[in-house]
């Protein structure tokens, strides 16, 4: 039975992806910072699916915590077939000159450095086995920069660059590297971005039907269920009413 390692699995995309992989029969390693939510996820997965699940509660911004969590994996979970780098966030939505440096650091530490920490730990095993698949959850912000999002966009541009670089470096080892770049999607994303202001978060999606977590799980499932000789490198997925980061039709 194969094993998938999913970061940021306690909500949003990560939670939906975890359920999708369990439905495909994968054993799961799921990570998150919120222990209560992680336990709730595990209980629900155990109720619905007959797979082995290992929760790891730590903050991927902390490299030492990543190392300790990885080395705590029992032998049964050390053969990781698929890594889904999902953990990520946006913090703040102000012009660069008015933004908080702490928000910048949080986004770079989570979206870029956390992804690197986890990937650096898991890739050697994939190379040793000459197989594996890495799926990075990026964003339309990694393709186009938009106002008041310079550093978030920079962090997702970095994810896209890392994805492309990994694909080049790992191709000789039989390892696939893919990305999914969602447009406007309604999860906890905007609530986190606006530091808990639910009215501002709700206004982001006013007048249109945004993507949801299941839409992104659909894309990830499609990527990982292709025949062995097929690699889906990148998927950009937007709601119908969003043309790009600038143009959205609101009713």
Protein backbone atom coordinates (compact mmCIF):
# COMPACT_ATOMS: atom_id res chain seq x y z
CA UNK A 1 0.00 0.00 0.00
CA UNK A 2 1.32 3.46 -0.89
CA UNK A 3 1.85 6.35 1.51
CA UNK A 4 1.12 10.06 1.00
CA UNK A 5 2.59 12.83 3.18
CA UNK A 6 0.36 15.94 3.27
CA UNK A 7 1.34 19.20 4.99
CA UNK A 8 -1.22 21.67 6.31
CA UNK A 9 -3.91 19.00 6.47
CA UNK A 10 -6.10 20.42 9.23
CA UNK A 11 -8.25 22.66 7.01
CA UNK A 12 -9.03 23.79 3.50
CA UNK A 13 -7.20 22.20 0.60
CA UNK A 14 -5.08 19.93 2.78
CA UNK A 15 -8.04 18.42 4.57
CA UNK A 16 -9.90 17.75 1.32
CA UNK A 17 -6.77 16.26 -0.23
CA UNK A 18 -6.29 13.97 2.79
CA UNK A 19 -9.81 12.58 2.38
CA UNK A 20 -9.24 12.12 -1.34
CA UNK A 21 -6.03 10.13 -0.80
CA UNK A 22 -7.67 8.01 1.89
CA UNK A 23 -10.42 7.24 -0.63
CA UNK A 24 -7.73 6.11 -3.06
CA UNK A 25 -6.42 3.69 -0.43
CA UNK A 26 -3.25 5.53 0.55
CA UNK A 27 -1.84 5.37 4.04
CA UNK A 28 -1.39 8.93 5.27
CA UNK A 29 1.04 11.09 7.16
CA UNK A 30 -0.80 14.35 7.87
CA UNK A 31 0.74 17.42 9.45
CA UNK A 32 -0.57 20.57 11.06
CA UNK A 33 0.03 23.05 13.88
CA UNK A 34 -3.38 22.68 15.55
CA UNK A 35 -3.44 19.46 17.52
CA UNK A 36 -7.18 19.53 18.22
CA UNK A 37 -8.00 19.86 14.52
CA UNK A 38 -5.44 17.22 13.62
CA UNK A 39 -7.05 14.76 16.03
CA UNK A 40 -10.50 15.61 14.67
CA UNK A 41 -9.24 14.90 11.14
CA UNK A 42 -7.74 11.57 12.19
CA UNK A 43 -10.93 10.47 13.92
CA UNK A 44 -13.02 11.31 10.86
CA UNK A 45 -10.64 9.56 8.48
CA UNK A 46 -10.59 6.45 10.67
CA UNK A 47 -14.39 6.44 10.68
CA UNK A 48 -14.66 6.67 6.90
CA UNK A 49 -11.65 4.71 5.61
CA UNK A 50 -9.63 1.60 6.37
CA UNK A 51 -6.16 3.08 6.01
CA UNK A 52 -3.27 3.72 8.37
CA UNK A 53 -2.93 7.38 9.42
CA UNK A 54 -0.12 9.07 11.33
CA UNK A 55 -0.58 12.65 12.60
CA UNK A 56 2.45 14.91 13.10
CA UNK A 57 1.78 18.14 15.01
CA UNK A 58 4.50 20.74 14.39
CA UNK A 59 5.18 24.06 12.66
CA UNK A 60 6.90 23.67 9.29
CA UNK A 61 8.52 27.09 9.74
CA UNK A 62 10.78 25.43 12.34
CA UNK A 63 13.45 23.36 10.57
CA UNK A 64 14.42 21.51 13.75
CA UNK A 65 10.77 20.60 14.35
CA UNK A 66 10.55 19.33 10.77
CA UNK A 67 13.65 17.17 11.26
CA UNK A 68 12.41 15.77 14.57
CA UNK A 69 8.96 15.02 13.12
CA UNK A 70 10.43 13.29 10.08
CA UNK A 71 12.81 11.16 12.14
CA UNK A 72 9.92 10.15 14.42
CA UNK A 73 8.26 8.30 11.54
CA UNK A 74 8.01 4.57 12.26
CA UNK A 75 9.52 2.33 9.63
CA UNK A 76 6.06 1.56 8.24
CA UNK A 77 5.62 5.21 7.20
CA UNK A 78 9.12 5.94 5.95
CA UNK A 79 8.42 4.86 2.36
CA UNK A 80 6.71 8.03 1.13
CA UNK A 81 5.35 7.74 -2.39
CA UNK A 82 3.67 11.14 -2.69
CA UNK A 83 4.49 14.42 -0.97
CA UNK A 84 1.84 17.15 -1.12
CA UNK A 85 3.33 20.48 -0.05
CA UNK A 86 0.08 22.20 0.81
CA UNK A 87 0.85 24.24 3.94
CA UNK A 88 0.82 27.92 3.06
CA UNK A 89 -0.87 31.23 3.75
CA UNK A 90 -1.26 34.89 2.88
CA UNK A 91 -0.88 37.49 5.61
CA UNK A 92 -2.01 41.06 5.03
CA UNK A 93 -3.29 42.85 1.93
CA UNK A 94 -1.79 46.32 2.03
CA UNK A 95 0.57 48.15 -0.29
CA UNK A 96 4.20 47.18 0.26
CA UNK A 97 5.06 50.40 2.06
CA UNK A 98 2.18 49.96 4.53
CA UNK A 99 2.62 46.27 5.24
CA UNK A 100 3.91 44.56 8.35
CA UNK A 101 7.37 42.97 8.16
CA UNK A 102 6.14 40.16 10.44
CA UNK A 103 3.58 39.23 7.78
CA UNK A 104 6.34 39.02 5.18
CA UNK A 105 8.40 36.75 7.38
CA UNK A 106 5.43 34.50 8.14
CA UNK A 107 4.65 34.05 4.45
CA UNK A 108 8.24 33.41 3.38
CA UNK A 109 8.91 31.07 6.32
CA UNK A 110 5.77 29.04 5.64
CA UNK A 111 5.31 29.14 1.87
CA UNK A 112 8.95 28.86 0.84
CA UNK A 113 11.23 27.74 3.66
CA UNK A 114 8.73 25.26 5.13
CA UNK A 115 8.25 23.68 1.71
CA UNK A 116 12.02 23.41 1.31
CA UNK A 117 12.54 21.92 4.79
CA UNK A 118 10.00 19.13 4.21
CA UNK A 119 11.02 18.41 0.64
CA UNK A 120 14.70 18.24 1.55
CA UNK A 121 13.89 15.53 4.11
CA UNK A 122 11.69 13.40 1.85
CA UNK A 123 13.49 13.61 -1.50
CA UNK A 124 16.48 11.39 -0.53
CA UNK A 125 14.17 8.41 0.06
CA UNK A 126 12.50 8.96 -3.28
CA UNK A 127 15.89 9.10 -4.99
CA UNK A 128 16.95 5.91 -3.26
CA UNK A 129 13.82 4.15 -4.52
CA UNK A 130 13.99 5.88 -7.93
CA UNK A 131 10.32 6.75 -7.71
CA UNK A 132 7.98 9.27 -6.15
CA UNK A 133 5.75 12.24 -6.84
CA UNK A 134 5.87 15.75 -5.37
CA UNK A 135 2.78 17.97 -5.72
CA UNK A 136 3.22 21.59 -4.69
CA UNK A 137 0.13 23.70 -4.05
CA UNK A 138 0.97 27.06 -5.54
CA UNK A 139 -1.35 29.87 -6.66
CA UNK A 140 -2.32 32.09 -9.54
CA UNK A 141 -0.26 34.57 -7.49
CA UNK A 142 2.78 32.57 -8.59
CA UNK A 143 1.94 33.39 -12.22
CA UNK A 144 0.70 37.01 -12.03
CA UNK A 145 1.43 39.70 -9.45
CA UNK A 146 -1.49 41.74 -8.19
CA UNK A 147 -1.82 44.96 -6.14
CA UNK A 148 -1.26 44.72 -2.38
CA UNK A 149 0.15 41.21 -2.65
CA UNK A 150 3.79 41.67 -3.61
CA UNK A 151 5.38 39.42 -1.01
CA UNK A 152 2.70 36.74 -1.10
CA UNK A 153 3.04 36.71 -4.90
CA UNK A 154 6.82 36.54 -4.53
CA UNK A 155 6.50 33.53 -2.24
CA UNK A 156 4.32 31.71 -4.76
CA UNK A 157 6.58 32.68 -7.66
CA UNK A 158 9.30 31.01 -5.59
CA UNK A 159 7.16 27.87 -5.24
CA UNK A 160 6.75 27.74 -9.01
CA UNK A 161 10.49 28.21 -9.57
CA UNK A 162 11.32 25.51 -7.03
CA UNK A 163 8.80 23.19 -8.69
CA UNK A 164 10.41 23.67 -12.10
CA UNK A 165 13.91 23.28 -10.68
CA UNK A 166 12.99 20.10 -8.81
CA UNK A 167 11.46 18.68 -11.98
CA UNK A 168 14.75 19.22 -13.82
CA UNK A 169 16.93 17.86 -11.00
CA UNK A 170 14.81 14.80 -10.21
CA UNK A 171 13.73 13.64 -13.67
CA UNK A 172 16.67 11.25 -13.93
CA UNK A 173 15.51 9.58 -10.73
CA UNK A 174 12.02 8.78 -12.02
CA UNK A 175 10.37 11.34 -9.71
CA UNK A 176 7.43 13.40 -10.96
CA UNK A 177 7.04 17.02 -9.80
CA UNK A 178 3.72 18.81 -10.28
CA UNK A 179 1.97 21.95 -9.14
CA UNK A 180 -1.59 23.19 -8.77
CA UNK A 181 -2.18 26.94 -8.99
CA UNK A 182 -5.67 27.89 -7.77
CA UNK A 183 -7.33 31.22 -8.38
CA UNK A 184 -9.93 32.58 -5.98
CA UNK A 185 -10.88 29.81 -3.57
CA UNK A 186 -12.98 30.15 -0.45
CA UNK A 187 -11.43 28.34 2.52
CA UNK A 188 -9.90 29.93 5.64
CA UNK A 189 -7.40 31.61 3.33
CA UNK A 190 -8.89 35.11 3.34
CA UNK A 191 -9.81 34.97 7.03
CA UNK A 192 -6.13 34.31 7.80
CA UNK A 193 -5.02 36.98 5.33
CA UNK A 194 -7.23 39.59 6.99
CA UNK A 195 -6.18 38.50 10.47
CA UNK A 196 -9.60 37.14 11.41
CA UNK A 197 -11.78 39.88 9.89
CA UNK A 198 -14.57 37.72 8.46
CA UNK A 199 -16.39 40.63 6.79
CA UNK A 200 -13.31 41.54 4.74
CA UNK A 201 -12.76 37.89 3.93
CA UNK A 202 -16.33 37.44 2.73
CA UNK A 203 -16.11 40.55 0.54
CA UNK A 204 -13.29 38.96 -1.49
CA UNK A 205 -15.80 36.54 -3.04
CA UNK A 206 -18.81 38.89 -3.31
CA UNK A 207 -20.75 38.48 -6.53
CA UNK A 208 -19.03 35.35 -7.77
CA UNK A 209 -18.81 31.64 -7.09
CA UNK A 210 -15.25 30.87 -5.96
CA UNK A 211 -13.42 27.57 -6.06
CA UNK A 212 -13.67 25.34 -3.02
CA UNK A 213 -11.37 22.79 -1.41
CA UNK A 214 -12.94 19.88 -3.28
CA UNK A 215 -12.12 21.52 -6.61
CA UNK A 216 -8.45 21.52 -5.69
CA UNK A 217 -8.62 17.97 -4.38
CA UNK A 218 -10.10 17.00 -7.77
CA UNK A 219 -7.05 18.46 -9.51
CA UNK A 220 -4.60 16.72 -7.20
CA UNK A 221 -6.41 13.41 -7.62
CA UNK A 222 -6.25 13.78 -11.40
CA UNK A 223 -2.51 14.47 -11.26
CA UNK A 224 -1.62 11.47 -9.10
CA UNK A 225 -3.86 8.95 -10.86
CA UNK A 226 -2.38 9.33 -14.35
CA UNK A 227 -0.54 6.34 -15.85
CA UNK A 228 3.09 5.97 -14.79
CA UNK A 229 4.40 7.30 -18.11
CA UNK A 230 2.32 10.50 -17.84
CA UNK A 231 3.37 13.56 -15.85
CA UNK A 232 0.92 16.42 -15.38
CA UNK A 233 3.40 19.18 -14.70
CA UNK A 234 1.11 22.07 -13.81
CA UNK A 235 -2.58 22.86 -13.48
CA UNK A 236 -3.93 26.39 -13.16
CA UNK A 237 -7.55 26.37 -12.03
CA UNK A 238 -9.80 29.42 -11.68
CA UNK A 239 -13.47 29.97 -10.96
CA UNK A 240 -15.45 30.60 -14.15
CA UNK A 241 -15.92 34.27 -13.24
CA UNK A 242 -12.19 34.97 -12.79
CA UNK A 243 -10.10 35.58 -15.91
CA UNK A 244 -6.84 36.42 -14.11
CA UNK A 245 -5.64 38.18 -10.97
CA UNK A 246 -7.05 41.49 -12.26
CA UNK A 247 -10.33 40.65 -13.97
CA UNK A 248 -13.28 39.00 -12.26
CA UNK A 249 -16.93 39.31 -13.33
CA UNK A 250 -19.10 39.98 -10.28
CA UNK A 251 -22.87 39.84 -10.50
